[in-house]
Amino acid sequence: MMKERVVFLDGTYVPWSEAKIHIMSHSVGRGSAIFEVIGFHETPDGPAVFRLDEYIARFRNSAALLDMEPPLSVSGLQDAVLETVRRNGLKKGIIKLMGFYPEIAFKILPPGKRFQVAIFVFDLEGDLGESAQAEGGSVTACISKWRRLDPQTVPIEAKVAANYMNGIVARTEARDLGFDYAILLDTRGCIAEGGTESLFLVREGRLLTSSLGTILNSITRKTLIEVAETMGIGNFAGRLLPGTLNEAEEIFFSGTVSKLIPVRQVGDRILQEVPGPVTRRLSERMALIVSGNDEQFRHWLYHT
């Protein structure tokens, strides 16, 4: 199916098979590619991209943090994303927006500041054979020995490919230990987030999550906090000690693709009700929002 996909590449639309750069390019060799993963969903009014403005803003912020110069304006990027979705004819799926240096380079610094943009649109299961849903609807997790990147070493707010080795080694460790996901602590020993996901705990009906500063400014995390507030679900963002995992009645990860991923086990602890009532309520509300059936948040949808 991938061969049928159309890719936006440096201002033109090309077949999937032609979306290539050299292995010796700076972004392959040095990990200098920035990216966003964005969801689009089936609605009564056709496919709609979720919170596109927020994802474009974060993409441009990643570029600014790394002193990269975007080739397109905000509106230019938004138009390119929506047009790529239209050209691929899918009702729902995933968008991967990438910024990269295609030039062949060996030196540590890229040849110039201006980068190229590529936009991919695909169906996760139909095109890649990957499921967006956790097996059994929930996952297991363990605390990783690897710590979240320290914000004084690299700009952790930048979604840059090189930073994701942090999550890769943590998820690999979790897999080798027989768990699905990893929970990373920050360098002070407090709960940070998952390898590539935000983490929420529920205690006494209230959401608990790590404060910004040592974690990615996740758009799904921000969305869930905003939605929870409208539902009368209290929330707290701050520094959480690992022991808080033993006090939580519910635990879930969140991310662009699956929105909420219930956790049924952390380490040796097995949670009793999965998904719990708060997780279930939020999940049901998010399903209404992304499908265009929630009038309060229809402004978050960008129709193609």
Protein backbone atom coordinates (compact mmCIF):
# COMPACT_ATOMS: atom_id res chain seq x y z
CA MET A 1 0.00 0.00 0.00
CA MET A 2 2.89 2.37 0.66
CA LYS A 3 3.65 2.61 -3.04
CA GLU A 4 0.29 4.34 -3.49
CA ARG A 5 1.12 7.12 -1.04
CA VAL A 6 2.05 10.65 -2.12
CA VAL A 7 4.73 12.58 -0.23
CA PHE A 8 5.32 16.31 0.03
CA LEU A 9 9.05 16.79 -0.52
CA ASP A 10 10.73 20.19 -0.70
CA GLY A 11 7.78 21.94 -2.32
CA THR A 12 6.64 19.19 -4.68
CA TYR A 13 4.52 16.04 -4.44
CA VAL A 14 6.30 12.80 -5.29
CA PRO A 15 5.53 9.07 -5.11
CA TRP A 16 6.47 7.32 -1.87
CA SER A 17 9.34 5.50 -3.60
CA GLU A 18 10.99 8.79 -4.60
CA ALA A 19 11.09 10.30 -1.10
CA LYS A 20 14.80 9.69 -0.51
CA ILE A 21 17.99 11.33 0.70
CA HIS A 22 21.57 10.06 0.76
CA ILE A 23 22.75 7.91 3.68
CA MET A 24 25.65 10.36 4.12
CA SER A 25 23.30 13.30 4.58
CA HIS A 26 23.78 15.34 7.74
CA SER A 27 20.41 14.38 9.21
CA VAL A 28 21.07 10.65 8.79
CA GLY A 29 24.67 10.78 9.95
CA ARG A 30 24.20 13.26 12.81
CA GLY A 31 20.56 12.82 13.77
CA SER A 32 19.67 16.44 12.99
CA ALA A 33 16.17 15.76 11.65
CA ILE A 34 13.24 17.34 13.49
CA PHE A 35 9.73 15.94 13.26
CA GLU A 36 6.12 15.89 14.39
CA VAL A 37 3.65 13.02 14.43
CA ILE A 38 0.09 14.25 13.94
CA GLY A 39 -3.21 12.41 13.85
CA PHE A 40 -6.07 12.94 11.43
CA HIS A 41 -9.48 11.44 12.01
CA GLU A 42 -12.70 10.53 10.27
CA THR A 43 -15.52 13.00 10.97
CA PRO A 44 -18.98 13.65 9.47
CA ASP A 45 -17.41 16.50 7.50
CA GLY A 46 -14.53 14.43 6.15
CA PRO A 47 -10.95 13.90 7.36
CA ALA A 48 -9.78 16.40 9.98
CA VAL A 49 -6.28 17.01 11.34
CA PHE A 50 -6.21 17.32 15.13
CA ARG A 51 -4.75 20.54 16.59
CA LEU A 52 -2.65 21.24 13.52
CA ASP A 53 -1.78 24.76 14.69
CA GLU A 54 -0.22 23.40 17.89
CA TYR A 55 1.88 20.82 16.06
CA ILE A 56 3.12 23.34 13.51
CA ALA A 57 4.04 25.75 16.32
CA ARG A 58 6.03 23.05 18.10
CA PHE A 59 7.73 22.02 14.86
CA ARG A 60 8.87 25.60 14.31
CA ASN A 61 9.95 25.85 17.95
CA SER A 62 12.14 22.76 17.50
CA ALA A 63 13.73 24.49 14.51
CA ALA A 64 14.33 27.67 16.51
CA LEU A 65 15.92 25.78 19.42
CA LEU A 66 18.36 24.15 16.98
CA ASP A 67 19.00 27.32 14.95
CA MET A 68 17.36 25.76 11.89
CA GLU A 69 15.66 27.94 9.29
CA PRO A 70 12.26 26.72 8.02
CA PRO A 71 11.65 26.95 4.26
CA LEU A 72 7.90 27.52 4.75
CA SER A 73 5.75 29.90 6.80
CA VAL A 74 3.19 28.72 9.34
CA SER A 75 0.40 28.93 6.77
CA GLY A 76 2.61 27.30 4.15
CA LEU A 77 3.25 24.32 6.41
CA GLN A 78 -0.42 24.01 7.34
CA ASP A 79 -1.48 24.12 3.69
CA ALA A 80 1.14 21.52 2.74
CA VAL A 81 -0.05 19.15 5.50
CA LEU A 82 -3.72 19.47 4.53
CA GLU A 83 -2.98 19.07 0.82
CA THR A 84 -0.87 15.96 1.45
CA VAL A 85 -3.75 14.43 3.41
CA ARG A 86 -6.15 15.27 0.57
CA ARG A 87 -3.89 13.74 -2.08
CA ASN A 88 -3.60 10.46 -0.21
CA GLY A 89 -7.36 9.95 0.07
CA LEU A 90 -7.36 8.35 3.52
CA LYS A 91 -10.21 8.97 5.95
CA LYS A 92 -7.96 8.69 9.00
CA GLY A 93 -4.35 7.96 9.76
CA ILE A 94 -0.99 9.42 10.74
CA ILE A 95 1.00 12.37 9.42
CA LYS A 96 4.75 12.54 9.90
CA LEU A 97 6.15 16.01 9.30
CA MET A 98 9.94 16.08 8.98
CA GLY A 99 12.58 18.77 8.67
CA PHE A 100 16.03 17.64 7.57
CA TYR A 101 19.35 18.53 5.99
CA PRO A 102 19.72 16.47 2.78
CA GLU A 103 23.26 17.68 2.04
CA ILE A 104 26.09 15.19 2.31
CA ALA A 105 28.23 16.28 5.24
CA PHE A 106 30.76 14.82 7.65
CA LYS A 107 31.31 17.82 9.92
CA ILE A 108 29.34 18.12 13.16
CA LEU A 109 27.58 21.33 12.05
CA PRO A 110 25.22 21.29 9.06
CA PRO A 111 26.28 23.10 5.85
CA GLY A 112 23.59 25.76 6.31
CA LYS A 113 20.59 26.70 8.42
CA ARG A 114 17.78 26.25 5.92
CA PHE A 115 16.35 22.74 5.90
CA GLN A 116 13.95 20.81 3.68
CA VAL A 117 10.51 19.57 4.64
CA ALA A 118 8.88 16.21 3.94
CA ILE A 119 5.32 15.23 4.84
CA PHE A 120 4.22 11.59 4.92
CA VAL A 121 0.62 10.39 5.31
CA PHE A 122 -0.21 6.75 5.98
CA ASP A 123 -2.47 4.25 7.67
CA LEU A 124 -0.53 2.70 10.51
CA GLU A 125 -2.03 -0.77 10.24
CA GLY A 126 -2.89 -0.93 6.53
CA ASP A 127 0.41 0.53 5.30
CA LEU A 128 2.91 -0.50 7.97
CA GLY A 129 1.20 -3.49 9.55
CA GLU A 130 1.44 -1.87 12.98
CA SER A 131 -1.42 -1.61 15.44
CA ALA A 132 -2.21 1.65 17.23
CA GLN A 133 -3.95 -0.28 20.02
CA ALA A 134 -2.18 -2.04 22.84
CA GLU A 135 -2.68 -5.80 22.92
CA GLY A 136 -5.60 -6.48 25.24
CA GLY A 137 -6.28 -2.74 25.44
CA SER A 138 -3.68 -2.11 28.16
CA VAL A 139 0.07 -2.36 28.74
CA THR A 140 2.64 -3.25 31.36
CA ALA A 141 5.48 -0.93 32.38
CA CYS A 142 8.59 -0.79 34.52
CA ILE A 143 10.84 1.96 35.83
CA SER A 144 13.89 2.16 33.59
CA LYS A 145 17.48 2.39 34.75
CA TRP A 146 17.95 5.07 32.09
CA ARG A 147 17.20 8.66 33.13
CA ARG A 148 15.37 11.23 31.04
CA LEU A 149 17.68 13.62 29.22
CA ASP A 150 18.73 16.51 31.42
CA PRO A 151 17.50 19.89 30.08
CA GLN A 152 20.96 21.32 30.72
CA THR A 153 22.55 18.92 28.22
CA VAL A 154 20.30 19.30 25.17
CA PRO A 155 17.08 21.22 24.41
CA ILE A 156 14.60 18.52 25.40
CA GLU A 157 11.72 20.62 24.03
CA ALA A 158 13.04 19.97 20.52
CA LYS A 159 11.56 16.93 18.80
CA VAL A 160 14.83 16.00 17.16
CA ALA A 161 15.70 12.49 16.04
CA ALA A 162 18.93 12.31 18.05
CA ASN A 163 17.07 12.83 21.35
CA TYR A 164 14.96 9.74 20.81
CA MET A 165 17.81 7.34 21.48
CA ASN A 166 16.93 8.05 25.10
CA GLY A 167 13.51 6.48 24.63
CA ILE A 168 14.83 3.69 22.44
CA VAL A 169 17.26 2.35 25.04
CA ALA A 170 14.60 2.61 27.77
CA ARG A 171 11.97 0.78 25.72
CA THR A 172 14.55 -1.86 24.73
CA GLU A 173 15.36 -2.47 28.38
CA ALA A 174 11.64 -2.77 29.22
CA ARG A 175 11.13 -5.29 26.43
CA ASP A 176 14.08 -7.37 27.56
CA LEU A 177 12.64 -7.44 31.09
CA GLY A 178 9.27 -8.62 29.79
CA PHE A 179 7.39 -5.31 29.92
CA ASP A 180 5.73 -3.28 27.17
CA TYR A 181 6.69 0.27 28.12
CA ALA A 182 9.30 2.11 30.17
CA ILE A 183 8.87 4.83 32.77
CA LEU A 184 11.85 7.18 32.96
CA LEU A 185 12.87 9.19 36.00
CA ASP A 186 14.57 12.55 35.62
CA THR A 187 18.11 13.17 36.84
CA ARG A 188 16.76 14.13 40.28
CA GLY A 189 15.01 10.80 40.65
CA CYS A 190 11.44 12.04 40.09
CA ILE A 191 8.97 10.58 37.60
CA ALA A 192 9.40 12.12 34.14
CA GLU A 193 7.54 10.28 31.36
CA GLY A 194 7.58 7.23 29.13
CA GLY A 195 10.10 6.58 26.40
CA THR A 196 7.99 8.46 23.84
CA GLU A 197 4.81 9.04 25.86
CA SER A 198 3.51 11.28 28.61
CA LEU A 199 2.47 9.62 31.86
CA PHE A 200 -0.60 10.28 34.00
CA LEU A 201 -1.53 8.88 37.39
CA VAL A 202 -4.97 9.08 38.98
CA ARG A 203 -5.26 9.38 42.75
CA GLU A 204 -8.53 10.14 44.55
CA GLY A 205 -10.13 11.05 41.22
CA ARG A 206 -7.49 13.64 40.32
CA LEU A 207 -4.91 13.55 37.52
CA LEU A 208 -1.26 13.71 38.51
CA THR A 209 1.47 14.34 35.95
CA SER A 210 5.03 15.60 35.88
CA SER A 211 5.55 19.32 35.45
CA LEU A 212 7.19 20.77 32.37
CA GLY A 213 10.90 21.40 32.44
CA THR A 214 12.23 17.86 32.31
CA ILE A 215 9.67 16.44 29.85
CA LEU A 216 8.49 17.13 26.33
CA ASN A 217 5.71 19.71 26.09
CA SER A 218 3.30 17.10 24.76
CA ILE A 219 0.26 18.36 22.88
CA THR A 220 -1.76 15.29 23.86
CA ARG A 221 -0.79 15.87 27.51
CA LYS A 222 -1.88 19.50 27.23
CA THR A 223 -5.12 18.42 25.54
CA LEU A 224 -6.01 15.90 28.25
CA ILE A 225 -5.43 18.46 31.00
CA GLU A 226 -7.66 20.98 29.22
CA VAL A 227 -10.38 18.42 28.58
CA ALA A 228 -10.23 17.11 32.15
CA GLU A 229 -10.78 20.61 33.51
CA THR A 230 -14.00 20.98 31.51
CA MET A 231 -15.17 17.65 32.94
CA GLY A 232 -14.56 18.68 36.54
CA ILE A 233 -11.57 16.36 36.88
CA GLY A 234 -8.90 18.06 38.97
CA ASN A 235 -5.25 17.87 38.04
CA PHE A 236 -1.83 18.48 39.52
CA ALA A 237 1.43 18.96 37.63
CA GLY A 238 4.58 18.82 39.72
CA ARG A 239 7.47 16.69 40.86
CA LEU A 240 6.30 13.15 41.59
CA LEU A 241 8.38 10.61 43.48
CA PRO A 242 8.48 7.02 42.16
CA GLY A 243 6.51 5.85 45.20
CA THR A 244 3.50 7.72 43.84
CA LEU A 245 3.10 4.87 41.33
CA ASN A 246 2.14 2.62 44.25
CA GLU A 247 -0.48 5.10 45.46
CA ALA A 248 -2.26 5.63 42.14
CA GLU A 249 -5.61 3.95 41.49
CA GLU A 250 -5.15 4.39 37.74
CA ILE A 251 -2.14 4.91 35.47
CA PHE A 252 -2.08 5.64 31.77
CA PHE A 253 0.29 6.80 29.08
CA SER A 254 -0.77 9.32 26.46
CA GLY A 255 0.42 10.11 22.95
CA THR A 256 -0.61 11.30 19.52
CA VAL A 257 -1.57 7.94 18.04
CA SER A 258 -3.47 6.18 20.84
CA LYS A 259 -4.39 9.23 22.95
CA LEU A 260 -4.74 7.16 26.18
CA ILE A 261 -3.04 3.82 26.90
CA PRO A 262 -4.17 2.20 30.18
CA VAL A 263 -1.48 0.54 32.30
CA ARG A 264 -2.44 -2.71 34.02
CA GLN A 265 0.89 -3.44 35.72
CA VAL A 266 3.91 -1.42 36.90
CA GLY A 267 6.79 -3.57 38.02
CA ASP A 268 5.33 -6.17 40.38
CA ARG A 269 2.19 -4.16 41.07
CA ILE A 270 -1.00 -5.19 39.24
CA LEU A 271 -3.77 -2.60 39.12
CA GLN A 272 -7.26 -3.77 39.95
CA GLU A 273 -9.55 -1.95 37.50
CA VAL A 274 -8.18 -1.28 34.03
CA PRO A 275 -9.15 1.03 32.54
CA GLY A 276 -10.29 2.85 35.64
CA PRO A 277 -13.26 5.24 35.69
CA VAL A 278 -11.29 8.44 35.07
CA THR A 279 -9.25 6.87 32.27
CA ARG A 280 -12.43 5.54 30.70
CA ARG A 281 -14.26 8.89 30.90
CA LEU A 282 -11.35 10.75 29.33
CA SER A 283 -10.93 8.14 26.61
CA GLU A 284 -14.61 8.32 25.69
CA ARG A 285 -14.53 12.13 25.61
CA MET A 286 -11.44 12.15 23.40
CA ALA A 287 -13.14 9.76 20.97
CA LEU A 288 -16.01 12.24 20.67
CA ILE A 289 -13.66 15.18 20.18
CA VAL A 290 -11.48 13.70 17.43
CA SER A 291 -14.53 12.37 15.56
CA GLY A 292 -16.02 15.86 15.36
CA ASN A 293 -18.92 15.02 17.67
CA ASP A 294 -18.04 17.42 20.48
CA GLU A 295 -19.11 20.98 19.74
CA GLN A 296 -16.98 22.46 22.52
CA PHE A 297 -13.74 21.40 20.85
CA ARG A 298 -14.60 21.44 17.16
CA HIS A 299 -12.13 24.31 16.72
CA TRP A 300 -9.33 21.81 17.30
CA LEU A 301 -10.13 20.08 14.00
CA TYR A 302 -8.64 21.25 10.69
CA HIS A 303 -10.63 19.83 7.80
CA THR A 304 -8.91 18.99 4.53
